[in-house]
Amino acid sequence: MPEISRFLGIIIRMYLREHAPPHFHAEYGEYEITVDIRTGVVTW
């Protein structure tokens, strides 16, 4: 899994060739969110 950034215990990852729309994942401990790059909509 490509890790883009790590700060304050938060890991930001982006997966190539994953489903549309373009998005990234942010993980903190047992929590994870997905952020749509185009709209900024956050889902968990």
C-alpha atoms as a PDB file:
ATOM      1  CA  MET A   1       0.000   0.000   0.000  1.00  0.00           C
ATOM      2  CA  PRO A   2       1.569   3.294  -1.050  1.00  0.00           C
ATOM      3  CA  GLU A   3       1.944   5.578   1.942  1.00  0.00           C
ATOM      4  CA  ILE A   4       1.883   9.258   1.020  1.00  0.00           C
ATOM      5  CA  SER A   5       2.316  10.789   4.465  1.00  0.00           C
ATOM      6  CA  ARG A   6       2.491   9.976   8.163  1.00  0.00           C
ATOM      7  CA  PHE A   7       2.015  12.594  10.898  1.00  0.00           C
ATOM      8  CA  LEU A   8       0.709  12.620  14.481  1.00  0.00           C
ATOM      9  CA  GLY A   9      -0.189   8.927  14.131  1.00  0.00           C
ATOM     10  CA  ILE A  10      -2.295   9.515  10.993  1.00  0.00           C
ATOM     11  CA  ILE A  11      -1.359   7.542   7.865  1.00  0.00           C
ATOM     12  CA  ILE A  12      -2.441   8.815   4.434  1.00  0.00           C
ATOM     13  CA  ARG A  13      -2.564   6.216   1.654  1.00  0.00           C
ATOM     14  CA  MET A  14      -3.599   6.175  -1.983  1.00  0.00           C
ATOM     15  CA  TYR A  15      -4.154   2.983  -3.949  1.00  0.00           C
ATOM     16  CA  LEU A  16      -3.426   2.866  -7.684  1.00  0.00           C
ATOM     17  CA  ARG A  17      -6.045   1.328  -9.952  1.00  0.00           C
ATOM     18  CA  GLU A  18      -8.668   1.221  -7.208  1.00  0.00           C
ATOM     19  CA  HIS A  19     -12.321   1.982  -7.922  1.00  0.00           C
ATOM     20  CA  ALA A  20     -13.542   5.430  -9.022  1.00  0.00           C
ATOM     21  CA  PRO A  21     -13.924   8.232  -7.960  1.00  0.00           C
ATOM     22  CA  PRO A  22     -10.326   9.273  -7.146  1.00  0.00           C
ATOM     23  CA  HIS A  23      -9.855   9.218  -3.373  1.00  0.00           C
ATOM     24  CA  PHE A  24      -7.399   8.649  -0.538  1.00  0.00           C
ATOM     25  CA  HIS A  25      -7.588   6.847   2.783  1.00  0.00           C
ATOM     26  CA  ALA A  26      -6.604   8.255   6.173  1.00  0.00           C
ATOM     27  CA  GLU A  27      -6.027   5.861   9.082  1.00  0.00           C
ATOM     28  CA  TYR A  28      -5.604   6.591  12.762  1.00  0.00           C
ATOM     29  CA  GLY A  29      -5.366   3.527  14.976  1.00  0.00           C
ATOM     30  CA  GLU A  30      -8.494   1.460  14.364  1.00  0.00           C
ATOM     31  CA  TYR A  31     -10.275   4.299  12.516  1.00  0.00           C
ATOM     32  CA  GLU A  32     -10.277   4.843   8.758  1.00  0.00           C
ATOM     33  CA  ILE A  33     -11.896   7.386   6.473  1.00  0.00           C
ATOM     34  CA  THR A  34     -12.016   7.828   2.709  1.00  0.00           C
ATOM     35  CA  VAL A  35     -11.871  11.303   1.169  1.00  0.00           C
ATOM     36  CA  ASP A  36     -13.120  11.959  -2.369  1.00  0.00           C
ATOM     37  CA  ILE A  37     -10.487  14.154  -4.020  1.00  0.00           C
ATOM     38  CA  ARG A  38     -12.907  15.954  -6.354  1.00  0.00           C
ATOM     39  CA  THR A  39     -15.605  16.872  -3.818  1.00  0.00           C
ATOM     40  CA  GLY A  40     -13.887  16.596  -0.427  1.00  0.00           C
ATOM     41  CA  VAL A  41     -16.686  14.286   0.817  1.00  0.00           C
ATOM     42  CA  VAL A  42     -15.551  12.137   3.734  1.00  0.00           C
ATOM     43  CA  THR A  43     -16.948   8.625   4.339  1.00  0.00           C
ATOM     44  CA  TRP A  44     -16.135   6.109   7.033  1.00  0.00           C
END
